[in-house]
Amino acid sequence: MDAVWHGQPAASHLSDLHTYVSRSVVVAGAATAIRERIGLL
């Protein structure tokens, strides 16, 4: 396992992190929108 990760460029780790953060932001935004909808109802 360590050998596989050691061979990976740092850019791929940053890309994975960026994807995770982007998804988290989208999920948080959707949750906020849903809460606002419920509040308006």
Protein backbone atom coordinates (compact mmCIF):
# COMPACT_ATOMS: atom_id res chain seq x y z
CA MET A 1 0.00 0.00 0.00
CA ASP A 2 2.74 2.46 0.98
CA ALA A 3 4.69 1.71 -2.19
CA VAL A 4 1.65 2.51 -4.33
CA TRP A 5 0.97 5.82 -2.60
CA HIS A 6 4.66 6.73 -2.62
CA GLY A 7 4.69 6.47 -6.43
CA GLN A 8 1.74 8.84 -6.81
CA PRO A 9 2.45 12.47 -7.62
CA ALA A 10 1.35 15.04 -5.05
CA ALA A 11 -0.93 16.61 -7.67
CA SER A 12 -3.23 13.58 -7.61
CA HIS A 13 -3.66 13.92 -3.85
CA LEU A 14 -4.49 17.62 -4.23
CA SER A 15 -6.95 16.76 -7.00
CA ASP A 16 -8.70 14.23 -4.76
CA LEU A 17 -8.83 16.76 -1.93
CA HIS A 18 -10.22 19.42 -4.28
CA THR A 19 -12.92 17.01 -5.48
CA TYR A 20 -13.87 16.15 -1.89
CA VAL A 21 -14.04 19.84 -0.89
CA SER A 22 -16.10 20.71 -3.96
CA ARG A 23 -18.60 17.96 -3.18
CA SER A 24 -18.79 19.07 0.45
CA VAL A 25 -19.56 22.64 -0.65
CA VAL A 26 -22.29 21.44 -3.03
CA VAL A 27 -23.85 19.24 -0.33
CA ALA A 28 -23.73 22.07 2.20
CA GLY A 29 -25.31 24.46 -0.30
CA ALA A 30 -28.09 21.98 -1.09
CA ALA A 31 -28.76 21.41 2.62
CA THR A 32 -28.99 25.17 3.19
CA ALA A 33 -31.36 25.59 0.23
CA ILE A 34 -33.59 22.78 1.52
CA ARG A 35 -33.67 24.34 5.00
CA GLU A 36 -34.66 27.70 3.50
CA ARG A 37 -37.43 26.02 1.46
CA ILE A 38 -38.79 24.33 4.59
CA GLY A 39 -38.60 27.66 6.41
CA LEU A 40 -40.62 29.36 3.65
CA LEU A 41 -43.24 26.61 3.74
